[in-house]
N, C-alpha and C. Protein backbone atom coordinates (compact mmCIF):
# COMPACT_ATOMS: atom_id res chain seq x y z
N MET A 1 49.12 -6.93 23.94
CA MET A 1 47.81 -7.53 23.88
C MET A 1 46.72 -6.47 23.97
N ALA A 2 46.85 -5.49 24.85
CA ALA A 2 45.86 -4.43 25.01
C ALA A 2 45.76 -3.59 23.74
N ASP A 3 46.92 -3.38 23.07
CA ASP A 3 46.90 -2.60 21.82
C ASP A 3 46.11 -3.33 20.74
N ARG A 4 46.26 -4.65 20.72
CA ARG A 4 45.51 -5.46 19.73
C ARG A 4 44.00 -5.35 19.96
N LEU A 5 43.57 -5.43 21.21
CA LEU A 5 42.15 -5.32 21.54
C LEU A 5 41.61 -3.94 21.20
N ARG A 6 42.41 -2.92 21.48
CA ARG A 6 41.98 -1.57 21.16
C ARG A 6 41.85 -1.39 19.65
N ALA A 7 42.76 -1.92 18.87
CA ALA A 7 42.72 -1.82 17.41
C ALA A 7 41.52 -2.59 16.85
N ALA A 8 41.25 -3.76 17.41
CA ALA A 8 40.10 -4.55 16.95
C ALA A 8 38.80 -3.84 17.27
N SER A 9 38.74 -3.20 18.42
CA SER A 9 37.55 -2.45 18.80
C SER A 9 37.32 -1.28 17.85
N GLY A 10 38.37 -0.61 17.48
CA GLY A 10 38.27 0.51 16.54
C GLY A 10 37.82 0.04 15.17
N GLN A 11 38.30 -1.11 14.75
CA GLN A 11 37.93 -1.65 13.44
C GLN A 11 36.45 -2.02 13.41
N SER A 12 35.95 -2.62 14.47
CA SER A 12 34.53 -3.00 14.48
C SER A 12 33.64 -1.76 14.47
N THR A 13 34.09 -0.67 15.10
CA THR A 13 33.33 0.58 15.06
C THR A 13 33.25 1.11 13.65
N VAL A 14 34.36 1.08 12.95
CA VAL A 14 34.40 1.55 11.56
C VAL A 14 33.51 0.68 10.68
N GLU A 15 33.54 -0.62 10.88
CA GLU A 15 32.69 -1.53 10.09
C GLU A 15 31.20 -1.27 10.36
N LEU A 16 30.87 -1.00 11.60
CA LEU A 16 29.48 -0.70 11.94
C LEU A 16 29.02 0.59 11.27
N VAL A 17 29.85 1.61 11.32
CA VAL A 17 29.50 2.88 10.69
C VAL A 17 29.37 2.72 9.18
N ALA A 18 30.21 1.89 8.59
CA ALA A 18 30.14 1.66 7.14
C ALA A 18 28.89 0.86 6.76
N ALA A 19 28.48 -0.07 7.61
CA ALA A 19 27.33 -0.93 7.28
C ALA A 19 25.99 -0.30 7.65
N LEU A 20 25.99 0.70 8.49
CA LEU A 20 24.74 1.29 8.97
C LEU A 20 23.85 1.83 7.84
N PRO A 21 24.38 2.57 6.85
CA PRO A 21 23.50 3.03 5.76
C PRO A 21 22.85 1.87 4.99
N ALA A 22 23.59 0.79 4.78
CA ALA A 22 23.02 -0.37 4.08
C ALA A 22 21.90 -1.01 4.91
N LEU A 23 22.09 -1.09 6.21
CA LEU A 23 21.04 -1.64 7.08
C LEU A 23 19.80 -0.76 7.09
N LEU A 24 20.00 0.54 7.14
CA LEU A 24 18.87 1.46 7.11
C LEU A 24 18.12 1.39 5.79
N LEU A 25 18.84 1.29 4.69
CA LEU A 25 18.21 1.18 3.38
C LEU A 25 17.41 -0.12 3.27
N ALA A 26 17.98 -1.21 3.75
CA ALA A 26 17.27 -2.49 3.73
C ALA A 26 15.99 -2.42 4.57
N GLY A 27 16.07 -1.77 5.71
CA GLY A 27 14.88 -1.59 6.54
C GLY A 27 13.82 -0.75 5.86
N LEU A 28 14.24 0.34 5.21
CA LEU A 28 13.31 1.21 4.49
C LEU A 28 12.63 0.47 3.34
N VAL A 29 13.39 -0.32 2.61
CA VAL A 29 12.82 -1.10 1.50
C VAL A 29 11.80 -2.10 2.04
N GLY A 30 12.15 -2.77 3.13
CA GLY A 30 11.22 -3.73 3.74
C GLY A 30 9.93 -3.08 4.19
N LEU A 31 10.03 -1.94 4.85
CA LEU A 31 8.83 -1.23 5.30
C LEU A 31 7.99 -0.74 4.13
N GLN A 32 8.65 -0.29 3.05
CA GLN A 32 7.91 0.17 1.87
C GLN A 32 7.16 -0.99 1.22
N LEU A 33 7.77 -2.16 1.18
CA LEU A 33 7.08 -3.33 0.62
C LEU A 33 5.88 -3.73 1.48
N LEU A 34 6.02 -3.64 2.79
CA LEU A 34 4.89 -3.92 3.68
C LEU A 34 3.76 -2.92 3.46
N ALA A 35 4.10 -1.65 3.32
CA ALA A 35 3.08 -0.61 3.08
C ALA A 35 2.38 -0.84 1.75
N THR A 36 3.11 -1.29 0.75
CA THR A 36 2.50 -1.55 -0.56
C THR A 36 1.55 -2.74 -0.48
N GLY A 37 1.94 -3.78 0.23
CA GLY A 37 1.05 -4.93 0.42
C GLY A 37 -0.21 -4.56 1.18
N TYR A 38 -0.06 -3.72 2.19
CA TYR A 38 -1.21 -3.25 2.96
C TYR A 38 -2.14 -2.42 2.07
N ALA A 39 -1.56 -1.58 1.21
CA ALA A 39 -2.36 -0.77 0.30
C ALA A 39 -3.14 -1.66 -0.67
N LEU A 40 -2.54 -2.76 -1.10
CA LEU A 40 -3.24 -3.68 -2.00
C LEU A 40 -4.44 -4.32 -1.29
N THR A 41 -4.26 -4.71 -0.05
CA THR A 41 -5.36 -5.28 0.73
C THR A 41 -6.49 -4.26 0.89
N LEU A 42 -6.12 -3.01 1.19
CA LEU A 42 -7.13 -1.96 1.33
C LEU A 42 -7.86 -1.71 0.01
N ALA A 43 -7.12 -1.71 -1.10
CA ALA A 43 -7.75 -1.48 -2.41
C ALA A 43 -8.71 -2.62 -2.75
N ASP A 44 -8.32 -3.86 -2.43
CA ASP A 44 -9.22 -5.00 -2.66
C ASP A 44 -10.53 -4.83 -1.89
N ASN A 45 -10.41 -4.50 -0.62
CA ASN A 45 -11.60 -4.33 0.21
C ASN A 45 -12.47 -3.17 -0.27
N ALA A 46 -11.85 -2.07 -0.68
CA ALA A 46 -12.61 -0.91 -1.15
C ALA A 46 -13.34 -1.23 -2.46
N ALA A 47 -12.68 -1.96 -3.36
CA ALA A 47 -13.33 -2.34 -4.62
C ALA A 47 -14.52 -3.25 -4.36
N GLU A 48 -14.35 -4.18 -3.44
CA GLU A 48 -15.47 -5.06 -3.09
C GLU A 48 -16.62 -4.29 -2.46
N ALA A 49 -16.31 -3.35 -1.58
CA ALA A 49 -17.36 -2.53 -0.96
C ALA A 49 -18.10 -1.72 -2.02
N GLY A 50 -17.36 -1.19 -2.98
CA GLY A 50 -18.00 -0.43 -4.06
C GLY A 50 -18.90 -1.31 -4.91
N ALA A 51 -18.45 -2.52 -5.21
CA ALA A 51 -19.26 -3.44 -6.02
C ALA A 51 -20.54 -3.85 -5.28
N LEU A 52 -20.41 -4.11 -3.98
CA LEU A 52 -21.60 -4.47 -3.20
C LEU A 52 -22.59 -3.30 -3.14
N ALA A 53 -22.08 -2.09 -3.02
CA ALA A 53 -22.96 -0.92 -3.02
C ALA A 53 -23.65 -0.77 -4.37
N LEU A 54 -22.91 -1.03 -5.44
CA LEU A 54 -23.47 -0.92 -6.78
C LEU A 54 -24.65 -1.87 -6.96
N VAL A 55 -24.50 -3.10 -6.47
CA VAL A 55 -25.59 -4.08 -6.57
C VAL A 55 -26.80 -3.65 -5.77
N SER A 56 -26.57 -3.02 -4.62
CA SER A 56 -27.71 -2.63 -3.78
C SER A 56 -28.27 -1.26 -4.15
N GLY A 57 -27.76 -0.65 -5.22
CA GLY A 57 -28.31 0.61 -5.68
C GLY A 57 -27.74 1.84 -4.99
N GLN A 58 -26.68 1.67 -4.23
CA GLN A 58 -26.03 2.79 -3.54
C GLN A 58 -24.89 3.33 -4.41
N PRO A 59 -24.40 4.54 -4.11
CA PRO A 59 -23.28 5.09 -4.88
C PRO A 59 -21.98 4.30 -4.61
N ALA A 60 -21.43 3.72 -5.65
CA ALA A 60 -20.26 2.85 -5.51
C ALA A 60 -18.99 3.62 -5.14
N VAL A 61 -18.81 4.81 -5.72
CA VAL A 61 -17.60 5.58 -5.45
C VAL A 61 -17.55 5.97 -3.97
N GLU A 62 -18.67 6.42 -3.46
CA GLU A 62 -18.72 6.82 -2.04
C GLU A 62 -18.47 5.62 -1.13
N ALA A 63 -19.04 4.47 -1.47
CA ALA A 63 -18.84 3.28 -0.64
C ALA A 63 -17.39 2.83 -0.66
N ALA A 64 -16.75 2.88 -1.82
CA ALA A 64 -15.34 2.49 -1.92
C ALA A 64 -14.46 3.43 -1.10
N ARG A 65 -14.72 4.74 -1.20
CA ARG A 65 -13.94 5.71 -0.42
C ARG A 65 -14.17 5.55 1.08
N ASP A 66 -15.40 5.25 1.47
CA ASP A 66 -15.71 5.07 2.89
C ASP A 66 -15.03 3.83 3.47
N ALA A 67 -14.69 2.87 2.62
CA ALA A 67 -14.06 1.63 3.10
C ALA A 67 -12.57 1.81 3.37
N LEU A 68 -12.03 2.97 3.03
CA LEU A 68 -10.60 3.23 3.20
C LEU A 68 -10.34 4.06 4.46
N PRO A 69 -9.15 3.93 5.06
CA PRO A 69 -8.81 4.78 6.21
C PRO A 69 -8.60 6.22 5.78
N GLY A 70 -8.60 7.13 6.73
CA GLY A 70 -8.51 8.56 6.43
C GLY A 70 -7.27 8.98 5.67
N TRP A 71 -6.12 8.34 5.92
CA TRP A 71 -4.88 8.76 5.25
C TRP A 71 -4.95 8.53 3.74
N ALA A 72 -5.83 7.66 3.28
CA ALA A 72 -5.88 7.32 1.87
C ALA A 72 -6.78 8.25 1.05
N ALA A 73 -7.44 9.20 1.69
CA ALA A 73 -8.41 10.05 0.99
C ALA A 73 -7.81 10.77 -0.21
N ASP A 74 -6.59 11.26 -0.08
CA ASP A 74 -5.96 12.00 -1.17
C ASP A 74 -5.17 11.09 -2.11
N ASP A 75 -5.06 9.82 -1.78
CA ASP A 75 -4.22 8.90 -2.55
C ASP A 75 -5.00 7.85 -3.31
N VAL A 76 -6.30 8.04 -3.47
CA VAL A 76 -7.13 7.01 -4.10
C VAL A 76 -7.88 7.59 -5.31
N ASP A 77 -8.03 6.74 -6.32
CA ASP A 77 -8.87 7.04 -7.47
C ASP A 77 -9.84 5.87 -7.63
N VAL A 78 -11.12 6.19 -7.75
CA VAL A 78 -12.15 5.16 -7.89
C VAL A 78 -12.86 5.40 -9.21
N ALA A 79 -13.01 4.32 -10.00
CA ALA A 79 -13.72 4.42 -11.27
C ALA A 79 -14.78 3.33 -11.33
N VAL A 80 -15.93 3.68 -11.91
CA VAL A 80 -17.02 2.71 -12.08
C VAL A 80 -17.37 2.69 -13.56
N ARG A 81 -17.29 1.51 -14.15
CA ARG A 81 -17.67 1.32 -15.55
C ARG A 81 -18.54 0.08 -15.64
N GLY A 82 -19.76 0.29 -16.02
CA GLY A 82 -20.69 -0.83 -16.07
C GLY A 82 -20.87 -1.40 -14.68
N GLY A 83 -20.58 -2.67 -14.52
CA GLY A 83 -20.69 -3.30 -13.22
C GLY A 83 -19.35 -3.53 -12.55
N ARG A 84 -18.31 -2.83 -13.00
CA ARG A 84 -16.97 -3.02 -12.46
C ARG A 84 -16.50 -1.77 -11.72
N VAL A 85 -16.02 -1.98 -10.49
CA VAL A 85 -15.48 -0.90 -9.67
C VAL A 85 -13.97 -1.12 -9.60
N THR A 86 -13.20 -0.10 -9.98
CA THR A 86 -11.74 -0.18 -9.95
C THR A 86 -11.20 0.87 -8.99
N VAL A 87 -10.33 0.42 -8.10
CA VAL A 87 -9.72 1.31 -7.09
C VAL A 87 -8.21 1.31 -7.32
N ARG A 88 -7.65 2.51 -7.47
CA ARG A 88 -6.20 2.68 -7.58
C ARG A 88 -5.75 3.43 -6.34
N LEU A 89 -4.80 2.85 -5.60
CA LEU A 89 -4.36 3.42 -4.33
C LEU A 89 -2.84 3.53 -4.31
N ARG A 90 -2.36 4.71 -3.94
CA ARG A 90 -0.92 4.93 -3.77
C ARG A 90 -0.57 4.66 -2.31
N PRO A 91 0.42 3.80 -2.06
CA PRO A 91 0.77 3.47 -0.68
C PRO A 91 1.48 4.63 0.00
N PRO A 92 1.45 4.68 1.32
CA PRO A 92 2.20 5.72 2.01
C PRO A 92 3.69 5.51 1.76
N SER A 93 4.40 6.61 1.52
CA SER A 93 5.83 6.52 1.22
C SER A 93 6.50 7.84 1.55
N PRO A 94 7.76 7.80 2.00
CA PRO A 94 8.47 9.05 2.25
C PRO A 94 8.82 9.79 0.96
N LEU A 95 8.79 9.10 -0.17
CA LEU A 95 9.09 9.71 -1.46
C LEU A 95 7.84 9.66 -2.35
N PRO A 96 7.24 10.81 -2.65
CA PRO A 96 6.01 10.81 -3.45
C PRO A 96 6.17 10.15 -4.82
N ALA A 97 7.31 10.33 -5.47
CA ALA A 97 7.52 9.70 -6.78
C ALA A 97 7.50 8.18 -6.66
N LEU A 98 8.02 7.67 -5.57
CA LEU A 98 8.03 6.23 -5.34
C LEU A 98 6.60 5.73 -5.11
N ALA A 99 5.81 6.48 -4.40
CA ALA A 99 4.42 6.08 -4.15
C ALA A 99 3.65 5.99 -5.47
N ASP A 100 3.89 6.90 -6.40
CA ASP A 100 3.21 6.84 -7.70
C ASP A 100 3.61 5.59 -8.47
N ARG A 101 4.88 5.22 -8.39
CA ARG A 101 5.35 4.04 -9.12
C ARG A 101 4.88 2.73 -8.47
N LEU A 102 4.59 2.76 -7.19
CA LEU A 102 4.15 1.56 -6.47
C LEU A 102 2.63 1.49 -6.30
N ALA A 103 1.90 2.35 -6.98
CA ALA A 103 0.44 2.36 -6.85
C ALA A 103 -0.13 1.00 -7.21
N VAL A 104 -1.13 0.58 -6.46
CA VAL A 104 -1.77 -0.72 -6.69
C VAL A 104 -3.19 -0.49 -7.20
N THR A 105 -3.67 -1.44 -7.97
CA THR A 105 -5.01 -1.35 -8.54
C THR A 105 -5.75 -2.65 -8.27
N SER A 106 -7.01 -2.51 -7.90
CA SER A 106 -7.85 -3.68 -7.66
C SER A 106 -9.23 -3.42 -8.25
N SER A 107 -9.85 -4.46 -8.77
CA SER A 107 -11.19 -4.34 -9.35
C SER A 107 -12.11 -5.40 -8.77
N ALA A 108 -13.37 -5.06 -8.74
CA ALA A 108 -14.40 -6.01 -8.34
C ALA A 108 -15.59 -5.81 -9.27
N ALA A 109 -16.17 -6.91 -9.69
CA ALA A 109 -17.32 -6.85 -10.59
C ALA A 109 -18.59 -7.17 -9.83
N ALA A 110 -19.65 -6.52 -10.25
CA ALA A 110 -20.96 -6.75 -9.63
C ALA A 110 -21.97 -6.98 -10.74
N ARG A 111 -22.81 -7.92 -10.50
CA ARG A 111 -23.88 -8.21 -11.44
C ARG A 111 -25.19 -8.10 -10.70
N PRO A 112 -26.06 -7.22 -11.13
CA PRO A 112 -27.34 -7.12 -10.44
C PRO A 112 -28.10 -8.44 -10.48
N LYS A 113 -28.79 -8.70 -9.41
CA LYS A 113 -29.55 -9.94 -9.33
C LYS A 113 -30.73 -9.87 -10.30
N GLY A 114 -30.83 -10.88 -11.13
CA GLY A 114 -31.90 -10.93 -12.11
C GLY A 114 -33.19 -11.44 -11.48
N PRO A 115 -34.26 -11.48 -12.26
CA PRO A 115 -35.54 -11.98 -11.74
C PRO A 115 -35.43 -13.46 -11.37
N SER A 116 -36.12 -13.84 -10.33
CA SER A 116 -36.11 -15.24 -9.88
C SER A 116 -36.89 -16.10 -10.83
N ARG A 117 -36.45 -17.33 -10.96
CA ARG A 117 -37.15 -18.26 -11.85
C ARG A 117 -38.04 -19.16 -11.09
């Protein structure tokens, strides 16, 4: 009976060691998806901040960049065309190539207020 318990204990250890890389990979994928979703929310907010600045006559690119946290300074591209502000943001990732492929883009349009009727 003791030999059976010892063998079963050894087998469960082997199964745990075999499954551990799959569990770690699943965790990494989940965290990367969360980071990408967070980056999309940040890009949305930055595009809106840029559009609001554009309407009020302020520099839209600076306002969009100011709306982002410090880690995003090197990972963001802001473009202004007409009344549209577009923000492209690469999410934080342990693999730079993966961050480029998961980059998110958000746009916000602004229309200057016309004369009152």
